[in-house]
């Protein structure tokens, strides 16, 4: 499933953010929870109910934009140093 790839990509980008950063902690926790659901549940309808975030296409769009946001957070952090 495409979500598995997207969530893995998010986790990879989060590794570049300091471990004590709140954004990293909470985003990593949520992403790991969703990745766990995707690994266990093959039924899209059930996943949609579990995510409570709309249709799987909407969830995918959110997951697609997260790595970009994470990279922006990294840039913003470096600028503030």
PDB file of N, CA and C in Angstrom:
ATOM      1  N   UNK A   1       0.842  -1.186   0.000  1.00  0.00           N
ATOM      2  CA  UNK A   1       0.000   0.000   0.000  1.00  0.00           C
ATOM      3  C   UNK A   1       0.887   1.249   0.000  1.00  0.00           C
ATOM      4  N   UNK A   2       0.441   2.232  -0.719  1.00  0.00           N
ATOM      5  CA  UNK A   2       1.193   3.478  -0.883  1.00  0.00           C
ATOM      6  C   UNK A   2       1.421   4.208   0.451  1.00  0.00           C
ATOM      7  N   UNK A   3       0.477   4.103   1.353  1.00  0.00           N
ATOM      8  CA  UNK A   3       0.616   4.777   2.647  1.00  0.00           C
ATOM      9  C   UNK A   3       1.825   4.262   3.425  1.00  0.00           C
ATOM     10  N   UNK A   4       2.114   3.003   3.293  1.00  0.00           N
ATOM     11  CA  UNK A   4       3.264   2.427   3.992  1.00  0.00           C
ATOM     12  C   UNK A   4       4.548   3.137   3.541  1.00  0.00           C
ATOM     13  N   UNK A   5       4.666   3.369   2.246  1.00  0.00           N
ATOM     14  CA  UNK A   5       5.842   4.068   1.704  1.00  0.00           C
ATOM     15  C   UNK A   5       5.883   5.511   2.193  1.00  0.00           C
ATOM     16  N   UNK A   6       4.730   6.171   2.161  1.00  0.00           N
ATOM     17  CA  UNK A   6       4.673   7.574   2.597  1.00  0.00           C
ATOM     18  C   UNK A   6       5.028   7.724   4.072  1.00  0.00           C
ATOM     19  N   UNK A   7       4.500   6.854   4.913  1.00  0.00           N
ATOM     20  CA  UNK A   7       4.786   6.950   6.346  1.00  0.00           C
ATOM     21  C   UNK A   7       6.265   6.659   6.631  1.00  0.00           C
ATOM     22  N   UNK A   8       6.833   5.731   5.895  1.00  0.00           N
ATOM     23  CA  UNK A   8       8.254   5.438   6.049  1.00  0.00           C
ATOM     24  C   UNK A   8       9.091   6.648   5.636  1.00  0.00           C
ATOM     25  N   UNK A   9       8.675   7.311   4.575  1.00  0.00           N
ATOM     26  CA  UNK A   9       9.373   8.511   4.105  1.00  0.00           C
ATOM     27  C   UNK A   9       9.309   9.622   5.164  1.00  0.00           C
ATOM     28  N   UNK A  10       8.152   9.787   5.780  1.00  0.00           N
ATOM     29  CA  UNK A  10       8.000  10.790   6.842  1.00  0.00           C
ATOM     30  C   UNK A  10       8.965  10.489   7.985  1.00  0.00           C
ATOM     31  N   UNK A  11       9.006   9.247   8.410  1.00  0.00           N
ATOM     32  CA  UNK A  11       9.887   8.864   9.513  1.00  0.00           C
ATOM     33  C   UNK A  11      11.354   9.102   9.171  1.00  0.00           C
ATOM     34  N   UNK A  12      11.725   8.864   7.921  1.00  0.00           N
ATOM     35  CA  UNK A  12      13.102   9.117   7.487  1.00  0.00           C
ATOM     36  C   UNK A  12      13.452  10.600   7.601  1.00  0.00           C
ATOM     37  N   UNK A  13      12.553  11.467   7.161  1.00  0.00           N
ATOM     38  CA  UNK A  13      12.806  12.909   7.221  1.00  0.00           C
ATOM     39  C   UNK A  13      12.855  13.384   8.676  1.00  0.00           C
ATOM     40  N   UNK A  14      12.007  12.821   9.518  1.00  0.00           N
ATOM     41  CA  UNK A  14      11.976  13.227  10.926  1.00  0.00           C
ATOM     42  C   UNK A  14      13.296  12.946  11.640  1.00  0.00           C
ATOM     43  N   UNK A  15      14.048  11.971  11.158  1.00  0.00           N
ATOM     44  CA  UNK A  15      15.335  11.637  11.764  1.00  0.00           C
ATOM     45  C   UNK A  15      16.325  12.806  11.691  1.00  0.00           C
ATOM     46  N   UNK A  16      16.085  13.752  10.787  1.00  0.00           N
ATOM     47  CA  UNK A  16      16.972  14.899  10.617  1.00  0.00           C
ATOM     48  C   UNK A  16      16.649  16.030  11.602  1.00  0.00           C
ATOM     49  N   UNK A  17      15.565  15.889  12.319  1.00  0.00           N
ATOM     50  CA  UNK A  17      15.129  16.904  13.278  1.00  0.00           C
ATOM     51  C   UNK A  17      15.625  16.490  14.665  1.00  0.00           C
ATOM     52  N   UNK A  18      16.060  17.435  15.489  1.00  0.00           N
ATOM     53  CA  UNK A  18      16.544  17.085  16.836  1.00  0.00           C
ATOM     54  C   UNK A  18      15.532  16.234  17.613  1.00  0.00           C
ATOM     55  N   UNK A  19      16.059  15.262  18.340  1.00  0.00           N
ATOM     56  CA  UNK A  19      15.207  14.306  19.063  1.00  0.00           C
ATOM     57  C   UNK A  19      14.305  14.964  20.096  1.00  0.00           C
ATOM     58  N   UNK A  20      14.718  16.092  20.647  1.00  0.00           N
ATOM     59  CA  UNK A  20      13.908  16.735  21.682  1.00  0.00           C
ATOM     60  C   UNK A  20      12.873  17.709  21.111  1.00  0.00           C
ATOM     61  N   UNK A  21      12.816  17.864  19.787  1.00  0.00           N
ATOM     62  CA  UNK A  21      11.854  18.780  19.171  1.00  0.00           C
ATOM     63  C   UNK A  21      10.443  18.212  19.276  1.00  0.00           C
ATOM     64  N   UNK A  22       9.519  19.027  19.734  1.00  0.00           N
ATOM     65  CA  UNK A  22       8.133  18.584  19.908  1.00  0.00           C
ATOM     66  C   UNK A  22       7.535  18.101  18.593  1.00  0.00           C
ATOM     67  N   UNK A  23       7.802  18.822  17.514  1.00  0.00           N
ATOM     68  CA  UNK A  23       7.255  18.422  16.206  1.00  0.00           C
ATOM     69  C   UNK A  23       7.686  17.002  15.864  1.00  0.00           C
ATOM     70  N   UNK A  24       8.960  16.694  16.069  1.00  0.00           N
ATOM     71  CA  UNK A  24       9.459  15.351  15.756  1.00  0.00           C
ATOM     72  C   UNK A  24       8.773  14.304  16.639  1.00  0.00           C
ATOM     73  N   UNK A  25       8.720  14.567  17.932  1.00  0.00           N
ATOM     74  CA  UNK A  25       8.136  13.592  18.866  1.00  0.00           C
ATOM     75  C   UNK A  25       6.702  13.245  18.496  1.00  0.00           C
ATOM     76  N   UNK A  26       5.884  14.274  18.334  1.00  0.00           N
ATOM     77  CA  UNK A  26       4.460  14.033  18.109  1.00  0.00           C
ATOM     78  C   UNK A  26       4.169  13.512  16.712  1.00  0.00           C
ATOM     79  N   UNK A  27       4.878  14.022  15.723  1.00  0.00           N
ATOM     80  CA  UNK A  27       4.669  13.547  14.361  1.00  0.00           C
ATOM     81  C   UNK A  27       5.134  12.104  14.227  1.00  0.00           C
ATOM     82  N   UNK A  28       6.240  11.777  14.878  1.00  0.00           N
ATOM     83  CA  UNK A  28       6.748  10.407  14.839  1.00  0.00           C
ATOM     84  C   UNK A  28       5.765   9.445  15.517  1.00  0.00           C
ATOM     85  N   UNK A  29       5.221   9.868  16.649  1.00  0.00           N
ATOM     86  CA  UNK A  29       4.263   9.025  17.362  1.00  0.00           C
ATOM     87  C   UNK A  29       3.023   8.752  16.508  1.00  0.00           C
ATOM     88  N   UNK A  30       2.470   9.794  15.925  1.00  0.00           N
ATOM     89  CA  UNK A  30       1.270   9.646  15.099  1.00  0.00           C
ATOM     90  C   UNK A  30       1.565   8.811  13.856  1.00  0.00           C
ATOM     91  N   UNK A  31       2.702   9.077  13.224  1.00  0.00           N
ATOM     92  CA  UNK A  31       3.066   8.351  12.007  1.00  0.00           C
ATOM     93  C   UNK A  31       3.291   6.876  12.302  1.00  0.00           C
ATOM     94  N   UNK A  32       3.955   6.569  13.400  1.00  0.00           N
ATOM     95  CA  UNK A  32       4.161   5.161  13.774  1.00  0.00           C
ATOM     96  C   UNK A  32       2.840   4.455  14.042  1.00  0.00           C
ATOM     97  N   UNK A  33       1.900   5.154  14.687  1.00  0.00           N
ATOM     98  CA  UNK A  33       0.584   4.562  14.946  1.00  0.00           C
ATOM     99  C   UNK A  33      -0.128   4.246  13.633  1.00  0.00           C
ATOM    100  N   UNK A  34      -0.110   5.205  12.708  1.00  0.00           N
ATOM    101  CA  UNK A  34      -0.783   5.002  11.423  1.00  0.00           C
ATOM    102  C   UNK A  34      -0.076   3.932  10.599  1.00  0.00           C
ATOM    103  N   UNK A  35       1.247   3.918  10.621  1.00  0.00           N
ATOM    104  CA  UNK A  35       1.993   2.895   9.903  1.00  0.00           C
ATOM    105  C   UNK A  35       1.654   1.511  10.453  1.00  0.00           C
ATOM    106  N   UNK A  36       1.533   1.406  11.761  1.00  0.00           N
ATOM    107  CA  UNK A  36       1.148   0.138  12.371  1.00  0.00           C
ATOM    108  C   UNK A  36      -0.216  -0.336  11.900  1.00  0.00           C
ATOM    109  N   UNK A  37      -1.160   0.596  11.781  1.00  0.00           N
ATOM    110  CA  UNK A  37      -2.498   0.247  11.290  1.00  0.00           C
ATOM    111  C   UNK A  37      -2.436  -0.250   9.852  1.00  0.00           C
ATOM    112  N   UNK A  38      -1.663   0.442   9.031  1.00  0.00           N
ATOM    113  CA  UNK A  38      -1.552   0.076   7.617  1.00  0.00           C
ATOM    114  C   UNK A  38      -0.909  -1.293   7.457  1.00  0.00           C
ATOM    115  N   UNK A  39       0.078  -1.599   8.286  1.00  0.00           N
ATOM    116  CA  UNK A  39       0.756  -2.896   8.202  1.00  0.00           C
ATOM    117  C   UNK A  39      -0.175  -4.051   8.570  1.00  0.00           C
ATOM    118  N   UNK A  40      -1.114  -3.797   9.481  1.00  0.00           N
ATOM    119  CA  UNK A  40      -1.966  -4.863   9.996  1.00  0.00           C
ATOM    120  C   UNK A  40      -3.271  -5.019   9.215  1.00  0.00           C
ATOM    121  N   UNK A  41      -3.820  -3.908   8.728  1.00  0.00           N
ATOM    122  CA  UNK A  41      -5.152  -3.933   8.129  1.00  0.00           C
ATOM    123  C   UNK A  41      -5.110  -3.708   6.614  1.00  0.00           C
ATOM    124  N   UNK A  42      -5.434  -4.737   5.821  1.00  0.00           N
ATOM    125  CA  UNK A  42      -5.428  -4.576   4.367  1.00  0.00           C
ATOM    126  C   UNK A  42      -6.716  -3.949   3.801  1.00  0.00           C
ATOM    127  N   UNK A  43      -7.786  -3.958   4.587  1.00  0.00           N
ATOM    128  CA  UNK A  43      -9.077  -3.454   4.115  1.00  0.00           C
ATOM    129  C   UNK A  43      -9.134  -1.927   4.206  1.00  0.00           C
ATOM    130  N   UNK A  44      -9.273  -1.282   3.049  1.00  0.00           N
ATOM    131  CA  UNK A  44      -9.259   0.177   2.975  1.00  0.00           C
ATOM    132  C   UNK A  44     -10.404   0.795   3.769  1.00  0.00           C
ATOM    133  N   UNK A  45     -11.572   0.223   3.699  1.00  0.00           N
ATOM    134  CA  UNK A  45     -12.732   0.773   4.424  1.00  0.00           C
ATOM    135  C   UNK A  45     -12.505   0.756   5.934  1.00  0.00           C
ATOM    136  N   UNK A  46     -11.933  -0.310   6.425  1.00  0.00           N
ATOM    137  CA  UNK A  46     -11.645  -0.402   7.856  1.00  0.00           C
ATOM    138  C   UNK A  46     -10.582   0.623   8.243  1.00  0.00           C
ATOM    139  N   UNK A  47      -9.558   0.775   7.389  1.00  0.00           N
ATOM    140  CA  UNK A  47      -8.518   1.776   7.654  1.00  0.00           C
ATOM    141  C   UNK A  47      -9.117   3.181   7.715  1.00  0.00           C
ATOM    142  N   UNK A  48     -10.023   3.487   6.797  1.00  0.00           N
ATOM    143  CA  UNK A  48     -10.661   4.803   6.803  1.00  0.00           C
ATOM    144  C   UNK A  48     -11.369   5.050   8.128  1.00  0.00           C
ATOM    145  N   UNK A  49     -12.038   4.033   8.643  1.00  0.00           N
ATOM    146  CA  UNK A  49     -12.708   4.170   9.942  1.00  0.00           C
ATOM    147  C   UNK A  49     -11.691   4.358  11.070  1.00  0.00           C
ATOM    148  N   UNK A  50     -10.602   3.615  11.015  1.00  0.00           N
ATOM    149  CA  UNK A  50      -9.585   3.713  12.065  1.00  0.00           C
ATOM    150  C   UNK A  50      -8.888   5.069  12.052  1.00  0.00           C
ATOM    151  N   UNK A  51      -8.601   5.593  10.865  1.00  0.00           N
ATOM    152  CA  UNK A  51      -7.915   6.882  10.747  1.00  0.00           C
ATOM    153  C   UNK A  51      -8.811   8.038  11.144  1.00  0.00           C
ATOM    154  N   UNK A  52     -10.098   7.899  10.929  1.00  0.00           N
ATOM    155  CA  UNK A  52     -11.057   8.972  11.205  1.00  0.00           C
ATOM    156  C   UNK A  52     -10.620  10.273  10.540  1.00  0.00           C
ATOM    157  N   UNK A  53      -9.987  10.147   9.380  1.00  0.00           N
ATOM    158  CA  UNK A  53      -9.487  11.325   8.678  1.00  0.00           C
ATOM    159  C   UNK A  53     -10.057  11.448   7.285  1.00  0.00           C
ATOM    160  N   UNK A  54     -11.175  10.775   7.028  1.00  0.00           N
ATOM    161  CA  UNK A  54     -11.772  10.839   5.704  1.00  0.00           C
ATOM    162  C   UNK A  54     -11.385   9.640   4.865  1.00  0.00           C
ATOM    163  N   UNK A  55     -11.579   9.802   3.582  1.00  0.00           N
ATOM    164  CA  UNK A  55     -11.263   8.723   2.659  1.00  0.00           C
ATOM    165  C   UNK A  55      -9.757   8.523   2.581  1.00  0.00           C
ATOM    166  N   UNK A  56      -9.379   7.339   2.154  1.00  0.00           N
ATOM    167  CA  UNK A  56      -7.962   6.988   2.122  1.00  0.00           C
ATOM    168  C   UNK A  56      -7.181   7.937   1.203  1.00  0.00           C
ATOM    169  N   UNK A  57      -7.841   8.466   0.179  1.00  0.00           N
ATOM    170  CA  UNK A  57      -7.187   9.426  -0.720  1.00  0.00           C
ATOM    171  C   UNK A  57      -6.811  10.699   0.038  1.00  0.00           C
ATOM    172  N   UNK A  58      -7.692  11.143   0.925  1.00  0.00           N
ATOM    173  CA  UNK A  58      -7.419  12.340   1.726  1.00  0.00           C
ATOM    174  C   UNK A  58      -6.275  12.086   2.707  1.00  0.00           C
ATOM    175  N   UNK A  59      -6.281  10.918   3.295  1.00  0.00           N
ATOM    176  CA  UNK A  59      -5.214  10.536   4.224  1.00  0.00           C
ATOM    177  C   UNK A  59      -3.878  10.488   3.474  1.00  0.00           C
ATOM    178  N   UNK A  60      -3.907   9.965   2.253  1.00  0.00           N
ATOM    179  CA  UNK A  60      -2.699   9.907   1.430  1.00  0.00           C
ATOM    180  C   UNK A  60      -2.183  11.305   1.100  1.00  0.00           C
ATOM    181  N   UNK A  61      -3.081  12.218   0.775  1.00  0.00           N
ATOM    182  CA  UNK A  61      -2.671  13.593   0.478  1.00  0.00           C
ATOM    183  C   UNK A  61      -2.003  14.247   1.685  1.00  0.00           C
ATOM    184  N   UNK A  62      -2.564  14.005   2.851  1.00  0.00           N
ATOM    185  CA  UNK A  62      -1.956  14.538   4.071  1.00  0.00           C
ATOM    186  C   UNK A  62      -0.558  13.954   4.269  1.00  0.00           C
ATOM    187  N   UNK A  63      -0.440  12.654   4.053  1.00  0.00           N
ATOM    188  CA  UNK A  63       0.856  11.985   4.233  1.00  0.00           C
ATOM    189  C   UNK A  63       1.870  12.456   3.192  1.00  0.00           C
ATOM    190  N   UNK A  64       1.404  12.771   1.989  1.00  0.00           N
ATOM    191  CA  UNK A  64       2.312  13.266   0.946  1.00  0.00           C
ATOM    192  C   UNK A  64       2.910  14.620   1.309  1.00  0.00           C
ATOM    193  N   UNK A  65       2.143  15.457   1.980  1.00  0.00           N
ATOM    194  CA  UNK A  65       2.615  16.808   2.288  1.00  0.00           C
ATOM    195  C   UNK A  65       3.492  16.873   3.542  1.00  0.00           C
ATOM    196  N   UNK A  66       3.439  15.872   4.379  1.00  0.00           N
ATOM    197  CA  UNK A  66       4.182  15.897   5.639  1.00  0.00           C
ATOM    198  C   UNK A  66       5.698  15.940   5.470  1.00  0.00           C
ATOM    199  N   UNK A  67       6.298  15.154   4.550  1.00  0.00           N
ATOM    200  CA  UNK A  67       7.758  15.261   4.391  1.00  0.00           C
ATOM    201  C   UNK A  67       8.198  16.667   3.980  1.00  0.00           C
ATOM    202  N   UNK A  68       7.411  17.320   3.156  1.00  0.00           N
ATOM    203  CA  UNK A  68       7.734  18.686   2.744  1.00  0.00           C
ATOM    204  C   UNK A  68       7.689  19.631   3.940  1.00  0.00           C
ATOM    205  N   UNK A  69       6.680  19.485   4.771  1.00  0.00           N
ATOM    206  CA  UNK A  69       6.573  20.306   5.977  1.00  0.00           C
ATOM    207  C   UNK A  69       7.754  20.042   6.908  1.00  0.00           C
ATOM    208  N   UNK A  70       8.114  18.792   7.067  1.00  0.00           N
ATOM    209  CA  UNK A  70       9.242  18.438   7.938  1.00  0.00           C
ATOM    210  C   UNK A  70      10.536  19.071   7.432  1.00  0.00           C
ATOM    211  N   UNK A  71      10.739  19.035   6.109  1.00  0.00           N
ATOM    212  CA  UNK A  71      11.950  19.663   5.553  1.00  0.00           C
ATOM    213  C   UNK A  71      11.928  21.173   5.775  1.00  0.00           C
ATOM    214  N   UNK A  72      10.757  21.784   5.677  1.00  0.00           N
ATOM    215  CA  UNK A  72      10.639  23.220   5.954  1.00  0.00           C
ATOM    216  C   UNK A  72      10.955  23.514   7.414  1.00  0.00           C
ATOM    217  N   UNK A  73      10.512  22.655   8.292  1.00  0.00           N
ATOM    218  CA  UNK A  73      10.802  22.834   9.718  1.00  0.00           C
ATOM    219  C   UNK A  73      12.309  22.795   9.957  1.00  0.00           C
ATOM    220  N   UNK A  74      13.005  21.920   9.251  1.00  0.00           N
ATOM    221  CA  UNK A  74      14.462  21.825   9.381  1.00  0.00           C
ATOM    222  C   UNK A  74      15.101  23.131   8.923  1.00  0.00           C
ATOM    223  N   UNK A  75      14.663  23.647   7.777  1.00  0.00           N
ATOM    224  CA  UNK A  75      15.216  24.904   7.257  1.00  0.00           C
ATOM    225  C   UNK A  75      14.933  26.068   8.203  1.00  0.00           C
ATOM    226  N   UNK A  76      13.701  26.141   8.716  1.00  0.00           N
ATOM    227  CA  UNK A  76      13.339  27.226   9.622  1.00  0.00           C
ATOM    228  C   UNK A  76      14.181  27.183  10.892  1.00  0.00           C
ATOM    229  N   UNK A  77      14.434  25.991  11.370  1.00  0.00           N
ATOM    230  CA  UNK A  77      15.232  25.824  12.597  1.00  0.00           C
ATOM    231  C   UNK A  77      16.662  26.309  12.367  1.00  0.00           C
ATOM    232  N   UNK A  78      17.227  25.966  11.215  1.00  0.00           N
ATOM    233  CA  UNK A  78      18.599  26.378  10.920  1.00  0.00           C
ATOM    234  C   UNK A  78      18.701  27.894  10.754  1.00  0.00           C
ATOM    235  N   UNK A  79      17.683  28.511  10.241  1.00  0.00           N
ATOM    236  CA  UNK A  79      17.692  29.960  10.070  1.00  0.00           C
ATOM    237  C   UNK A  79      17.625  30.694  11.408  1.00  0.00           C
ATOM    238  N   UNK A  80      16.995  30.070  12.378  1.00  0.00           N
ATOM    239  CA  UNK A  80      16.823  30.726  13.677  1.00  0.00           C
ATOM    240  C   UNK A  80      18.048  30.559  14.582  1.00  0.00           C
ATOM    241  N   UNK A  81      19.001  29.762  14.164  1.00  0.00           N
ATOM    242  CA  UNK A  81      20.202  29.548  14.999  1.00  0.00           C
ATOM    243  C   UNK A  81      21.177  30.699  14.892  1.00  0.00           C
TER     244      UNK A  81
END
